Every structure is written in structure tokens, then in C-alpha cells.
Amino acid sequence: MRTLDDLLAEGVDGRRVLVRADLNVPLSRTDDTVAVADDGRIRAVLPTVTKLAEAGARVVVCSHLGRPKGAPDPKYTLAPVAVRFSELLGSAVAFATDTVGESADEVTGKLAAGEVALLENLRFNAGETSKDDAERGAFAAKLATYGEAYVDDAFGAVHRKHASVYDVPKLLPHFAGGLVLRELEVLSTLTAEPKRPYVVVLGGAKVSDKLGVITNLLPKVDKLLIGGGMCFTLLAAQGHGVGDSLLEADQIDTCKRLLAEGGDKIVLPTDVVVAAELSATAETRVVGVDQIAAGDKGLDIGPESGRAFAAELSGAATVFWNGPMGVFEFEPFAAGTRTVAEAVTGAGFSVVGGGDSAAAVRQLGIDEDRFSHISTGGGASLEYLEGKSLPGVAALEV
């Protein structure tokens, strides 16, 4: 796999370089403004963009945002991202109001050496995500005209067989950016011979989303701690009533099998924070997992569970954490995630698996430098740990 350093060694002065970034960031909306709510993914790609610009490249950045349906949708425009990108970069980022149309042609055509442009949302074009190879390839061919070389630094998208990730590298000299290389290095550490004890913490809403990674990791970990909404299907598999908590009834038998296979490796909450409704002012109670009543919604792990999880993490040499322990966006249900996050920082080698976990770290005000690595790709991290081939990585290896 050729790298950004290889490209820089070749020389990029005056050359157009197409950079696939992952700028799929959360936005905050008020009546009259839209702004970036969490700029972590923008900051993550800055080193690659900066190195290219300083070397004299004409840098054309492309990304997706959200899940528009293959056509322009103002809700998902990258315009607010371009504003924050400019602020962080310290120089203007020219913004094209389309991806492969007149605006993109004009903006990229006017770029001088060392300047940066951002194309509009890739997913405004049906060809980006199409399952039809010809349609996807046709879009990739248009996109590739904006670069003489291609750099993929969008680890959060490498598990997608999309035009900008999988097809464009077939058309241009292609290189892996520093962010992608760092992510692969970290994840290979987790799957090869991690230092022990090796503890994995999983949370989030659905156990079905993480069955693959649970199955693949169980033989490799010393402990698997499970919280968040997904824990309630496992608790139901143990015979507990879960009230109105999140439940995937069709996964109960699978969870019974996992619990039998995992034995004492799998650690579930013993108490939870419940409320009748999800709100910032909800009246909450802490109950044992055998005392969840009808009408109760389990929305966080309880303090006893938090202490137990922290104790398991306290002596860990390696930790991978993906998924919050509760609905951390609301203060009454943030304590479990905060307790786990603080405990993860004490591990010898600590990896936060992107997505909501990374957002929680920033929202809860925990210094990111206290973790060994915060991934930019939750889904990509999980698929790597499942042992799946990642299309975007495979494309760079050819």
C-alpha cells in the first residue's frame, strides 16, 4: 500500500490531488443558522490536507454527509462544514455547490498551488452509493477528473463499496492518508497479540448491530462488558423483564447462545437507571435488573454497574470501547458513560471506537489526550474487528 509520504516524495507541486475525507459530522440547527456541532472528523483530516497544500498541491476534498437519497437535499449540504474547515485550516476553503457539475468544474479549475476546495455532498449523486457497478463507475469516472492522484483519508467510509472509496482508486494513482494508516495500525494491534488483560466495552442501541464483533472477539478477550440499549436483549435472554426498554425479541435466542459461550467473560449490568420518558427533566430511579417494571425505560447503567465495569477496566492493559452506556446526551442518563470513559483512560492502551463514543468523550469534556487513540470510524472499526475485508482498504492495496 502506497502512502501519503510516497506521494509527497514524488512531488505534488501544482498537481491536483483528490482527497476522500470523512466530514460526516453532526450539525446543530437553530432558526437561522446551521453549524458544525463536533469538528473532530474535520480536525482528523487536517494533517493530510495541510501537508499536501504546503507541498504545493491543488487539493480537492470530497466527502459525504448523512444519508440523502441520491439527490440534492439542503438538509445535508456540506456548506457549514466548509466554513468550519476554513477556520481550522487557517485559510479559505473554496466550496463547490455541486459534486461533478459546473460549480465543481469552475472551483477546481481556479485552484492555485497550495489552495483547497471542498466539493458538495457526494451522496447528492445516486452513483456514489449505487449497487450497479456501471452507474457507480460512471460517477467515479467524473469524480476522478478532479485529481491527478487520489488520497483516501476517510477511514470512517472504507467499509463501504462506494464510488469515491472503491472505484476512484482504480482510475488514479492511489495512496493511503496518515489517518487511515494510523487506524489500521491501531486495529491490527487489537486483533494480533494485544497485551493482557484485554477488555472490550460495547454499548449503543442494538445488539444485532454488534453480533458479528461479539462473536469474533469472545475467544480473544478476557472480559466483554456490555451496556447501553443493547444490554436489555441480553438481560431478557437471562429471563429478566425489561419493561419498555429497547428489546430485539428476535435476537433473544442468539443472545442465549452468546451468554452460554461467553461464560464469565461477559459482564452485564446489575442495576440500571430507569424513567417513564426520555427527557432532560425526567424523574429517574435506580433499580436492580430484576426489578424493571412495566412502563420503565432503562436509559443508563446504574452506579453499582458503573463501579463494577470500572473495576474490570482498572487493571486492563488493552481496552477497546465502542458505544455509550446510556443516553448520554441527556444529563440524567450520562453518568454511566462518564464512569466508563474515565475508567478507560486508565488502561495501558485505550482505543475509543468512533461514532457516539467519540462524541461522548467530547461532550462530557474528557481530555482526548488521555486515550491512546480515538477512532474516526465506528462502523469501519467494528467490521475490521469482525474480520471483514474493507473495500476501501482493499482498493488501496492493489
Protein backbone atom coordinates (compact mmCIF):
# COMPACT_ATOMS: atom_id res chain seq x y z
CA MET A 1 0.00 0.00 0.00
CA ARG A 2 1.49 3.33 -1.08
CA THR A 3 1.23 6.16 1.40
CA LEU A 4 0.90 9.92 1.52
CA ASP A 5 4.64 10.13 2.16
CA ASP A 6 5.25 8.24 -1.09
CA LEU A 7 3.11 10.75 -2.96
CA LEU A 8 4.87 13.71 -1.37
CA ALA A 9 8.22 12.19 -2.29
CA GLU A 10 7.08 12.04 -5.93
CA GLY A 11 6.21 15.73 -5.77
CA VAL A 12 2.79 17.36 -5.90
CA ASP A 13 3.62 20.98 -6.66
CA GLY A 14 0.90 22.27 -8.96
CA ARG A 15 -0.79 18.87 -9.24
CA ARG A 16 -4.45 18.34 -8.38
CA VAL A 17 -4.87 15.78 -5.63
CA LEU A 18 -8.32 14.37 -4.87
CA VAL A 19 -8.68 13.61 -1.15
CA ARG A 20 -11.52 11.45 0.13
CA ALA A 21 -12.18 12.71 3.64
CA ASP A 22 -14.80 11.74 6.20
CA LEU A 23 -16.52 15.00 7.07
CA ASN A 24 -19.75 13.32 8.15
CA VAL A 25 -20.06 15.50 11.23
CA PRO A 26 -23.07 16.32 13.42
CA LEU A 27 -24.67 19.69 12.81
CA SER A 28 -26.51 21.99 15.22
CA ARG A 29 -29.50 23.84 13.82
CA THR A 30 -31.26 26.97 15.04
CA ASP A 31 -33.92 29.02 13.29
CA ASP A 32 -31.39 30.93 11.20
CA THR A 33 -28.03 29.14 11.44
CA VAL A 34 -26.52 25.72 10.87
CA ALA A 35 -23.12 24.98 12.36
CA VAL A 36 -20.80 22.05 12.99
CA ALA A 37 -21.54 20.61 16.44
CA ASP A 38 -18.49 18.33 16.67
CA ASP A 39 -15.47 19.06 14.47
CA GLY A 40 -13.42 16.01 15.46
CA ARG A 41 -13.51 14.44 11.99
CA ILE A 42 -12.51 17.70 10.32
CA ARG A 43 -9.54 18.07 12.65
CA ALA A 44 -8.57 14.45 11.98
CA VAL A 45 -8.00 15.04 8.25
CA LEU A 46 -6.23 18.41 8.65
CA PRO A 47 -2.69 16.95 8.78
CA THR A 48 -3.09 15.29 5.38
CA VAL A 49 -4.67 18.34 3.74
CA THR A 50 -2.09 20.66 5.29
CA LYS A 51 0.88 18.55 4.12
CA LEU A 52 -0.46 18.47 0.57
CA ALA A 53 -1.22 22.20 0.48
CA GLU A 54 2.16 23.13 1.93
CA ALA A 55 3.80 20.96 -0.74
CA GLY A 56 2.04 22.98 -3.42
CA ALA A 57 -0.79 20.64 -4.35
CA ARG A 58 -4.14 21.90 -5.56
CA VAL A 59 -6.23 19.95 -3.04
CA VAL A 60 -9.77 18.86 -3.91
CA VAL A 61 -11.57 17.35 -0.91
CA CYS A 62 -14.72 15.24 -1.21
CA SER A 63 -16.94 13.68 1.43
CA HIS A 64 -20.46 12.56 2.25
CA LEU A 65 -22.73 13.88 4.99
CA GLY A 66 -25.72 11.99 6.32
CA ARG A 67 -27.91 9.83 4.12
CA PRO A 68 -29.57 11.86 1.38
CA LYS A 69 -31.38 9.79 -1.23
CA GLY A 70 -29.08 10.29 -4.20
CA ALA A 71 -30.28 13.84 -4.93
CA PRO A 72 -29.51 17.32 -3.55
CA ASP A 73 -31.08 17.95 -0.15
CA PRO A 74 -30.36 21.27 1.64
CA LYS A 75 -30.51 19.49 5.00
CA TYR A 76 -27.30 17.64 4.14
CA THR A 77 -25.25 20.34 2.43
CA LEU A 78 -21.55 20.48 3.29
CA ALA A 79 -21.61 24.30 3.21
CA PRO A 80 -21.42 24.65 7.05
CA VAL A 81 -18.55 22.15 7.05
CA ALA A 82 -16.64 24.29 4.55
CA VAL A 83 -16.95 27.23 6.95
CA ARG A 84 -15.52 25.29 9.89
CA PHE A 85 -12.92 23.65 7.65
CA SER A 86 -11.67 27.11 6.64
CA GLU A 87 -11.46 28.22 10.27
CA LEU A 88 -9.47 25.16 11.33
CA LEU A 89 -7.21 25.23 8.28
CA GLY A 90 -6.48 28.92 8.73
CA SER A 91 -7.16 29.69 5.07
CA ALA A 92 -10.19 29.82 2.81
CA VAL A 93 -11.64 26.56 1.54
CA ALA A 94 -13.43 27.15 -1.75
CA PHE A 95 -16.81 25.42 -1.84
CA ALA A 96 -18.40 23.89 -4.93
CA THR A 97 -22.19 23.81 -4.79
CA ASP A 98 -22.29 20.54 -6.72
CA THR A 99 -20.08 17.45 -6.88
CA VAL A 100 -19.32 16.85 -10.56
CA GLY A 101 -21.10 19.74 -12.27
CA GLU A 102 -20.48 23.31 -13.39
CA SER A 103 -19.64 24.66 -9.94
CA ALA A 104 -17.15 21.86 -9.25
CA ASP A 105 -15.55 22.41 -12.66
CA GLU A 106 -15.20 26.14 -12.02
CA VAL A 107 -13.99 25.93 -8.41
CA THR A 108 -11.41 23.20 -9.02
CA GLY A 109 -10.29 24.85 -12.26
CA LYS A 110 -9.47 28.09 -10.44
CA LEU A 111 -7.43 26.46 -7.66
CA ALA A 112 -3.87 27.70 -7.37
CA ALA A 113 -1.00 25.70 -5.91
CA GLY A 114 -1.46 25.33 -2.16
CA GLU A 115 -5.20 26.06 -2.22
CA VAL A 116 -8.02 23.79 -1.04
CA ALA A 117 -11.54 23.19 -2.35
CA LEU A 118 -14.41 21.14 -0.98
CA LEU A 119 -17.00 19.52 -3.26
CA GLU A 120 -20.67 19.27 -2.29
CA ASN A 121 -22.00 16.10 -0.66
CA LEU A 122 -21.05 13.01 -2.67
CA ARG A 123 -24.35 11.34 -1.81
CA PHE A 124 -26.26 14.02 -3.70
CA ASN A 125 -25.35 11.79 -6.66
CA ALA A 126 -27.04 8.39 -6.95
CA GLY A 127 -23.88 6.91 -8.46
CA GLU A 128 -21.93 7.27 -5.22
CA THR A 129 -23.80 4.54 -3.36
CA SER A 130 -25.26 2.59 -6.29
CA LYS A 131 -25.07 -1.19 -6.21
CA ASP A 132 -24.92 -1.14 -10.02
CA ASP A 133 -21.25 -1.31 -10.99
CA ALA A 134 -21.77 0.65 -14.22
CA GLU A 135 -23.65 3.51 -12.55
CA ARG A 136 -21.14 3.70 -9.74
CA GLY A 137 -18.25 3.54 -12.19
CA ALA A 138 -19.65 6.33 -14.34
CA PHE A 139 -19.86 8.64 -11.34
CA ALA A 140 -16.34 7.65 -10.27
CA ALA A 141 -15.01 8.49 -13.73
CA LYS A 142 -16.41 12.03 -13.46
CA LEU A 143 -15.08 12.45 -9.93
CA ALA A 144 -11.62 11.23 -10.94
CA THR A 145 -11.27 14.11 -13.42
CA TYR A 146 -10.65 16.41 -10.43
CA GLY A 147 -7.41 14.69 -9.46
CA GLU A 148 -4.12 13.55 -10.91
CA ALA A 149 -3.65 11.45 -7.77
CA TYR A 150 -6.02 10.15 -5.10
CA VAL A 151 -5.56 10.01 -1.33
CA ASP A 152 -8.02 8.16 0.89
CA ASP A 153 -8.02 9.53 4.42
CA ALA A 154 -11.64 8.64 5.17
CA PHE A 155 -11.34 5.66 7.48
CA GLY A 156 -14.98 6.08 8.51
CA ALA A 157 -16.03 5.18 4.95
CA VAL A 158 -13.59 2.41 3.97
CA HIS A 159 -16.12 -0.30 4.81
CA ARG A 160 -18.41 1.00 2.05
CA LYS A 161 -18.20 -0.14 -1.58
CA HIS A 162 -18.92 3.36 -2.81
CA ALA A 163 -17.67 5.15 -5.91
CA SER A 164 -15.39 7.61 -4.12
CA VAL A 165 -13.90 4.87 -1.94
CA TYR A 166 -13.77 1.77 -4.12
CA ASP A 167 -13.94 2.83 -7.79
CA VAL A 168 -11.92 6.05 -7.96
CA PRO A 169 -8.69 4.32 -6.81
CA LYS A 170 -8.95 2.12 -9.91
CA LEU A 171 -8.71 5.23 -12.07
CA LEU A 172 -5.95 7.26 -10.39
CA PRO A 173 -2.59 6.63 -8.72
CA HIS A 174 -3.78 6.00 -5.16
CA PHE A 175 -2.33 6.46 -1.70
CA ALA A 176 -3.37 5.95 1.91
CA GLY A 177 -3.50 9.03 4.10
CA GLY A 178 -1.98 9.24 7.55
CA LEU A 179 -5.31 8.85 9.32
CA VAL A 180 -6.15 5.61 7.51
CA LEU A 181 -2.68 4.22 8.23
CA ARG A 182 -2.92 5.07 11.93
CA GLU A 183 -6.37 3.48 12.23
CA LEU A 184 -5.18 0.26 10.61
CA GLU A 185 -2.09 0.17 12.82
CA VAL A 186 -4.19 0.54 15.98
CA LEU A 187 -6.80 -2.02 14.96
CA SER A 188 -4.16 -4.56 13.97
CA THR A 189 -2.78 -4.20 17.50
CA LEU A 190 -6.20 -5.15 18.87
CA THR A 191 -6.52 -8.23 16.65
CA ALA A 192 -2.96 -9.57 16.57
CA GLU A 193 -1.48 -10.04 20.04
CA PRO A 194 -2.96 -7.44 22.39
CA LYS A 195 -1.39 -7.05 25.80
CA ARG A 196 -3.48 -8.62 28.54
CA PRO A 197 -5.79 -8.29 30.31
CA TYR A 198 -7.73 -7.30 27.17
CA VAL A 199 -11.16 -5.80 27.95
CA VAL A 200 -13.78 -4.75 25.40
CA VAL A 201 -16.70 -2.47 26.30
CA LEU A 202 -19.71 -2.40 23.98
CA GLY A 203 -22.79 -0.21 24.19
CA GLY A 204 -25.22 1.52 21.89
CA ALA A 205 -28.76 0.70 20.90
CA LYS A 206 -28.96 -2.66 19.13
CA VAL A 207 -27.28 -5.93 19.93
CA SER A 208 -27.94 -7.04 16.33
CA ASP A 209 -25.52 -4.35 15.10
CA LYS A 210 -22.70 -5.92 17.09
CA LEU A 211 -23.35 -9.65 16.96
CA GLY A 212 -20.53 -10.13 14.47
CA VAL A 213 -17.94 -8.33 16.56
CA ILE A 214 -19.12 -10.06 19.76
CA THR A 215 -18.81 -13.48 18.13
CA ASN A 216 -15.37 -12.71 16.71
CA LEU A 217 -13.98 -11.11 19.87
CA LEU A 218 -15.28 -13.51 22.51
CA PRO A 219 -12.45 -16.04 22.06
CA LYS A 220 -9.86 -13.24 22.11
CA VAL A 221 -10.86 -11.07 25.08
CA ASP A 222 -10.54 -11.55 28.80
CA LYS A 223 -13.72 -9.62 29.59
CA LEU A 224 -16.57 -8.23 27.50
CA LEU A 225 -18.59 -5.53 29.27
CA ILE A 226 -21.98 -4.74 27.73
CA GLY A 227 -24.18 -1.73 28.49
CA GLY A 228 -26.38 0.68 26.56
CA GLY A 229 -29.68 -0.25 24.98
CA MET A 230 -28.23 -3.49 23.65
CA CYS A 231 -27.84 -4.93 27.14
CA PHE A 232 -31.60 -5.31 27.59
CA THR A 233 -31.92 -8.03 24.97
CA LEU A 234 -29.17 -9.93 26.78
CA LEU A 235 -30.89 -9.34 30.12
CA ALA A 236 -34.13 -10.66 28.60
CA ALA A 237 -32.18 -13.72 27.47
CA GLN A 238 -31.30 -14.27 31.13
CA GLY A 239 -35.01 -14.23 31.94
CA HIS A 240 -35.37 -10.67 33.23
CA GLY A 241 -38.31 -8.44 32.38
CA VAL A 242 -37.12 -5.23 30.73
CA GLY A 243 -40.28 -3.10 30.76
CA ASP A 244 -40.34 -0.62 27.89
CA SER A 245 -36.58 -0.72 27.39
CA LEU A 246 -35.08 -1.35 23.96
CA LEU A 247 -35.59 -5.00 23.09
CA GLU A 248 -34.88 -7.06 19.99
CA ALA A 249 -37.09 -10.04 20.72
CA ASP A 250 -35.91 -11.86 17.61
CA GLN A 251 -32.35 -11.86 18.98
CA ILE A 252 -33.09 -13.44 22.37
CA ASP A 253 -32.20 -16.99 21.29
CA THR A 254 -28.96 -15.76 19.74
CA CYS A 255 -28.14 -13.90 22.96
CA LYS A 256 -28.78 -17.05 24.98
CA ARG A 257 -26.19 -18.81 22.84
CA LEU A 258 -23.68 -15.99 23.27
CA LEU A 259 -24.14 -15.98 27.03
CA ALA A 260 -23.59 -19.73 27.15
CA GLU A 261 -20.46 -19.48 25.00
CA GLY A 262 -19.09 -16.44 26.83
CA GLY A 263 -19.47 -17.77 30.34
CA ASP A 264 -17.98 -15.40 32.90
CA LYS A 265 -16.25 -13.37 30.18
CA ILE A 266 -19.50 -11.45 29.52
CA VAL A 267 -20.33 -8.88 32.20
CA LEU A 268 -23.80 -7.30 32.17
CA PRO A 269 -25.24 -4.51 34.34
CA THR A 270 -26.70 -5.46 37.70
CA ASP A 271 -28.61 -2.19 38.07
CA VAL A 272 -29.98 0.40 35.65
CA VAL A 273 -31.36 3.93 35.63
CA VAL A 274 -35.00 3.91 34.54
CA ALA A 275 -37.57 6.57 33.73
CA ALA A 276 -41.03 6.69 32.21
CA GLU A 277 -39.81 9.02 29.46
CA LEU A 278 -36.63 10.15 27.79
CA SER A 279 -36.08 13.82 28.56
CA ALA A 280 -33.59 16.13 30.24
CA THR A 281 -36.00 16.60 33.17
CA ALA A 282 -37.19 13.01 33.57
CA GLU A 283 -37.75 11.60 37.04
CA THR A 284 -35.33 8.71 37.40
CA ARG A 285 -34.94 5.67 39.64
CA VAL A 286 -32.14 3.19 40.07
CA VAL A 287 -33.38 -0.41 40.15
CA GLY A 288 -31.83 -3.85 40.04
CA VAL A 289 -32.06 -5.60 36.68
CA ASP A 290 -34.57 -7.99 38.26
CA GLN A 291 -36.83 -5.09 39.28
CA ILE A 292 -37.55 -3.31 35.98
CA ALA A 293 -41.28 -2.66 35.99
CA ALA A 294 -43.76 -2.41 33.14
CA GLY A 295 -43.56 1.12 31.74
CA ASP A 296 -39.95 1.60 32.82
CA LYS A 297 -37.40 2.52 30.18
CA GLY A 298 -33.83 1.53 31.00
CA LEU A 299 -31.74 4.50 29.85
CA ASP A 300 -28.36 4.07 31.55
CA ILE A 301 -26.40 1.55 33.57
CA GLY A 302 -26.68 2.13 37.30
CA PRO A 303 -23.96 3.24 39.76
CA GLU A 304 -23.30 -0.30 41.02
CA SER A 305 -22.75 -1.45 37.43
CA GLY A 306 -20.55 1.57 36.74
CA ARG A 307 -18.31 0.66 39.67
CA ALA A 308 -18.17 -2.97 38.56
CA PHE A 309 -17.26 -2.02 34.99
CA ALA A 310 -14.60 0.42 36.27
CA ALA A 311 -13.11 -2.32 38.43
CA GLU A 312 -12.81 -4.64 35.42
CA LEU A 313 -11.14 -1.84 33.45
CA SER A 314 -8.77 -0.73 36.19
CA GLY A 315 -6.19 -3.42 35.58
CA ALA A 316 -6.59 -3.71 31.81
CA ALA A 317 -3.55 -3.49 29.59
CA THR A 318 -5.66 -3.11 26.43
CA VAL A 319 -9.19 -1.69 26.08
CA PHE A 320 -11.48 -1.21 23.09
CA TRP A 321 -14.65 0.78 23.80
CA ASN A 322 -17.46 1.24 21.29
CA GLY A 323 -20.88 2.58 22.25
CA PRO A 324 -22.22 4.65 25.16
CA MET A 325 -23.65 3.08 28.31
CA GLY A 326 -26.79 5.21 28.20
CA VAL A 327 -28.43 8.16 26.51
CA PHE A 328 -25.52 10.42 27.46
CA GLU A 329 -26.95 13.40 25.55
CA PHE A 330 -29.34 13.87 28.49
CA GLU A 331 -27.66 14.60 31.83
CA PRO A 332 -29.86 12.23 33.90
CA PHE A 333 -28.53 9.33 31.78
CA ALA A 334 -24.88 10.36 31.29
CA ALA A 335 -23.28 9.04 34.48
CA GLY A 336 -22.67 5.50 33.26
CA THR A 337 -20.90 6.64 30.10
CA ARG A 338 -18.85 9.16 32.07
CA THR A 339 -17.77 6.49 34.59
CA VAL A 340 -16.74 4.07 31.85
CA ALA A 341 -14.94 6.76 29.83
CA GLU A 342 -12.91 7.82 32.85
CA ALA A 343 -12.05 4.20 33.62
CA VAL A 344 -10.97 3.51 30.02
CA THR A 345 -8.37 6.30 30.26
CA GLY A 346 -6.54 4.28 32.89
CA ALA A 347 -5.79 1.37 30.56
CA GLY A 348 -2.31 0.82 29.22
CA PHE A 349 -3.54 1.05 25.62
CA SER A 350 -7.02 2.52 25.17
CA VAL A 351 -8.97 2.77 21.93
CA VAL A 352 -12.29 4.59 21.58
CA GLY A 353 -14.15 3.07 18.64
CA GLY A 354 -15.51 6.19 16.99
CA GLY A 355 -19.14 7.20 16.49
CA ASP A 356 -21.18 8.01 19.58
CA SER A 357 -18.33 7.01 21.90
CA ALA A 358 -16.05 9.68 20.44
CA ALA A 359 -18.89 12.21 20.57
CA ALA A 360 -19.49 11.31 24.22
CA VAL A 361 -15.84 11.90 25.11
CA ARG A 362 -16.02 15.40 23.70
CA GLN A 363 -19.49 16.24 25.05
CA LEU A 364 -18.56 15.08 28.54
CA GLY A 365 -15.44 17.25 28.47
CA ILE A 366 -12.90 14.44 28.87
CA ASP A 367 -9.43 15.29 27.54
CA GLU A 368 -8.97 13.31 24.32
CA ASP A 369 -5.23 13.02 25.00
CA ARG A 370 -5.99 10.70 27.91
CA PHE A 371 -6.88 7.98 25.40
CA SER A 372 -4.29 6.23 23.25
CA HIS A 373 -6.48 6.55 20.15
CA ILE A 374 -9.93 7.83 19.23
CA SER A 375 -11.14 6.30 16.00
CA THR A 376 -12.99 8.30 13.38
CA GLY A 377 -14.82 5.25 12.06
CA GLY A 378 -17.21 3.37 14.32
CA GLY A 379 -18.69 1.09 11.66
CA ALA A 380 -15.35 0.55 9.93
CA SER A 381 -13.68 -0.29 13.25
CA LEU A 382 -16.33 -2.86 14.08
CA GLU A 383 -16.17 -4.52 10.67
CA TYR A 384 -12.37 -4.72 10.90
CA LEU A 385 -12.66 -6.36 14.32
CA GLU A 386 -15.24 -8.76 12.88
CA GLY A 387 -12.56 -9.89 10.46
CA LYS A 388 -14.30 -8.50 7.37
CA SER A 389 -12.46 -7.19 4.32
CA LEU A 390 -12.87 -3.43 3.97
CA PRO A 391 -13.48 -2.45 0.32
CA GLY A 392 -11.73 0.91 0.60
CA VAL A 393 -8.63 -0.66 2.11
CA ALA A 394 -8.61 -3.46 -0.47
CA ALA A 395 -8.75 -0.84 -3.24
CA LEU A 396 -5.66 0.91 -1.87
CA GLU A 397 -3.72 -2.36 -1.73
CA VAL A 398 -4.00 -3.04 -5.46
